[in-house]
Amino acid sequence: MLAETFSCTRRPAIGVPAGECIVIEGSTSGVMAGRAAGCAVIGLLAAGHIREGHAAKLTAAGAHHVAADYREVDRIVRDRLRS
């Protein structure tokens, strides 16, 4: 299961609680897995296979934020760190 992948990659190796982790993911299954693992999730639209309407799919899958590119990911992460 994908959620286990996110759980295994963040614990115990880095020792950070799930609520403090951010998953950046372009697939709906990855977004759902990140959410299931308890992480904040940024849906990313930067891949070449992304089609119109994908942002809505990532949002429906549970993405906390959706970013068009890595520059926007950077802005979202910086905003989260400030709050």
C-alpha atoms as a PDB file:
ATOM      1  CA  MET A   1       0.000   0.000   0.000  1.00  0.00           C
ATOM      2  CA  LEU A   2       1.307   3.461  -0.869  1.00  0.00           C
ATOM      3  CA  ALA A   3       0.501   4.970   2.521  1.00  0.00           C
ATOM      4  CA  GLU A   4       2.906   2.457   4.034  1.00  0.00           C
ATOM      5  CA  THR A   5       5.574   3.713   1.635  1.00  0.00           C
ATOM      6  CA  PHE A   6       5.249   7.244   2.984  1.00  0.00           C
ATOM      7  CA  SER A   7       5.153   5.935   6.560  1.00  0.00           C
ATOM      8  CA  CYS A   8       8.287   3.859   6.007  1.00  0.00           C
ATOM      9  CA  THR A   9      10.250   6.638   4.347  1.00  0.00           C
ATOM     10  CA  ARG A  10       9.608   9.133   7.126  1.00  0.00           C
ATOM     11  CA  ARG A  11       9.977   6.848  10.165  1.00  0.00           C
ATOM     12  CA  PRO A  12      12.213   6.027  11.916  1.00  0.00           C
ATOM     13  CA  ALA A  13      14.908   7.241   9.559  1.00  0.00           C
ATOM     14  CA  ILE A  14      14.191  10.935   9.972  1.00  0.00           C
ATOM     15  CA  GLY A  15      12.159  10.886  13.177  1.00  0.00           C
ATOM     16  CA  VAL A  16       9.661  13.515  12.054  1.00  0.00           C
ATOM     17  CA  PRO A  17       5.965  13.186  12.937  1.00  0.00           C
ATOM     18  CA  ALA A  18       3.656  12.704   9.947  1.00  0.00           C
ATOM     19  CA  GLY A  19       1.904  15.994  10.647  1.00  0.00           C
ATOM     20  CA  GLU A  20       5.188  17.803  10.036  1.00  0.00           C
ATOM     21  CA  CYS A  21       5.936  16.047   6.728  1.00  0.00           C
ATOM     22  CA  ILE A  22       5.004  17.372   3.303  1.00  0.00           C
ATOM     23  CA  VAL A  23       4.386  15.041   0.379  1.00  0.00           C
ATOM     24  CA  ILE A  24       4.696  16.526  -3.110  1.00  0.00           C
ATOM     25  CA  GLU A  25       2.809  14.290  -5.501  1.00  0.00           C
ATOM     26  CA  GLY A  26       1.419  14.407  -9.032  1.00  0.00           C
ATOM     27  CA  SER A  27      -0.818  11.350  -8.950  1.00  0.00           C
ATOM     28  CA  THR A  28      -4.178  10.940  -7.271  1.00  0.00           C
ATOM     29  CA  SER A  29      -3.074   7.658  -5.686  1.00  0.00           C
ATOM     30  CA  GLY A  30       0.035   9.365  -4.293  1.00  0.00           C
ATOM     31  CA  VAL A  31      -2.069  12.204  -2.879  1.00  0.00           C
ATOM     32  CA  MET A  32      -4.379   9.689  -1.193  1.00  0.00           C
ATOM     33  CA  ALA A  33      -1.398   7.773   0.175  1.00  0.00           C
ATOM     34  CA  GLY A  34       0.177  10.917   1.592  1.00  0.00           C
ATOM     35  CA  ARG A  35      -3.095  11.842   3.263  1.00  0.00           C
ATOM     36  CA  ALA A  36      -3.535   8.310   4.625  1.00  0.00           C
ATOM     37  CA  ALA A  37      -0.045   8.531   6.125  1.00  0.00           C
ATOM     38  CA  GLY A  38      -1.072  11.741   7.901  1.00  0.00           C
ATOM     39  CA  CYS A  39       1.130  14.093   5.895  1.00  0.00           C
ATOM     40  CA  ALA A  40       0.357  17.464   4.346  1.00  0.00           C
ATOM     41  CA  VAL A  41       0.088  16.995   0.582  1.00  0.00           C
ATOM     42  CA  ILE A  42       0.882  19.352  -2.276  1.00  0.00           C
ATOM     43  CA  GLY A  43      -0.521  18.177  -5.605  1.00  0.00           C
ATOM     44  CA  LEU A  44       1.949  18.974  -8.389  1.00  0.00           C
ATOM     45  CA  LEU A  45       0.936  19.740 -11.971  1.00  0.00           C
ATOM     46  CA  ALA A  46       4.462  20.024 -13.411  1.00  0.00           C
ATOM     47  CA  ALA A  47       4.757  16.644 -15.172  1.00  0.00           C
ATOM     48  CA  GLY A  48       4.410  16.273 -18.930  1.00  0.00           C
ATOM     49  CA  HIS A  49       1.516  13.841 -18.669  1.00  0.00           C
ATOM     50  CA  ILE A  50      -0.741  16.299 -16.804  1.00  0.00           C
ATOM     51  CA  ARG A  51      -3.967  17.094 -18.653  1.00  0.00           C
ATOM     52  CA  GLU A  52      -6.704  19.673 -18.192  1.00  0.00           C
ATOM     53  CA  GLY A  53      -8.799  18.961 -15.121  1.00  0.00           C
ATOM     54  CA  HIS A  54      -5.986  17.236 -13.201  1.00  0.00           C
ATOM     55  CA  ALA A  55      -5.924  19.950 -10.518  1.00  0.00           C
ATOM     56  CA  ALA A  56      -9.546  19.152  -9.684  1.00  0.00           C
ATOM     57  CA  LYS A  57      -8.679  15.442  -9.461  1.00  0.00           C
ATOM     58  CA  LEU A  58      -5.786  16.107  -7.070  1.00  0.00           C
ATOM     59  CA  THR A  59      -8.005  18.342  -4.946  1.00  0.00           C
ATOM     60  CA  ALA A  60     -10.744  15.698  -4.889  1.00  0.00           C
ATOM     61  CA  ALA A  61      -8.131  13.115  -3.854  1.00  0.00           C
ATOM     62  CA  GLY A  62      -7.334  15.272  -0.829  1.00  0.00           C
ATOM     63  CA  ALA A  63      -4.420  17.543  -1.753  1.00  0.00           C
ATOM     64  CA  HIS A  64      -4.147  20.400   0.748  1.00  0.00           C
ATOM     65  CA  HIS A  65      -2.643  22.601  -1.982  1.00  0.00           C
ATOM     66  CA  VAL A  66      -2.161  22.301  -5.741  1.00  0.00           C
ATOM     67  CA  ALA A  67       0.904  23.831  -7.412  1.00  0.00           C
ATOM     68  CA  ALA A  68       1.415  24.474 -11.114  1.00  0.00           C
ATOM     69  CA  ASP A  69       5.220  24.261 -10.848  1.00  0.00           C
ATOM     70  CA  TYR A  70       8.106  23.898  -8.408  1.00  0.00           C
ATOM     71  CA  ARG A  71       8.277  27.639  -7.867  1.00  0.00           C
ATOM     72  CA  GLU A  72       4.750  27.510  -6.492  1.00  0.00           C
ATOM     73  CA  VAL A  73       5.683  24.479  -4.365  1.00  0.00           C
ATOM     74  CA  ASP A  74       8.492  26.561  -2.887  1.00  0.00           C
ATOM     75  CA  ARG A  75       6.063  29.386  -2.047  1.00  0.00           C
ATOM     76  CA  ILE A  76       3.583  26.972  -0.432  1.00  0.00           C
ATOM     77  CA  VAL A  77       6.277  25.280   1.661  1.00  0.00           C
ATOM     78  CA  ARG A  78       7.720  28.629   2.797  1.00  0.00           C
ATOM     79  CA  ASP A  79       4.226  29.841   3.770  1.00  0.00           C
ATOM     80  CA  ARG A  80       3.641  26.644   5.767  1.00  0.00           C
ATOM     81  CA  LEU A  81       6.958  27.028   7.563  1.00  0.00           C
ATOM     82  CA  ARG A  82       6.111  30.597   8.567  1.00  0.00           C
ATOM     83  CA  SER A  83       2.768  29.624  10.083  1.00  0.00           C
END
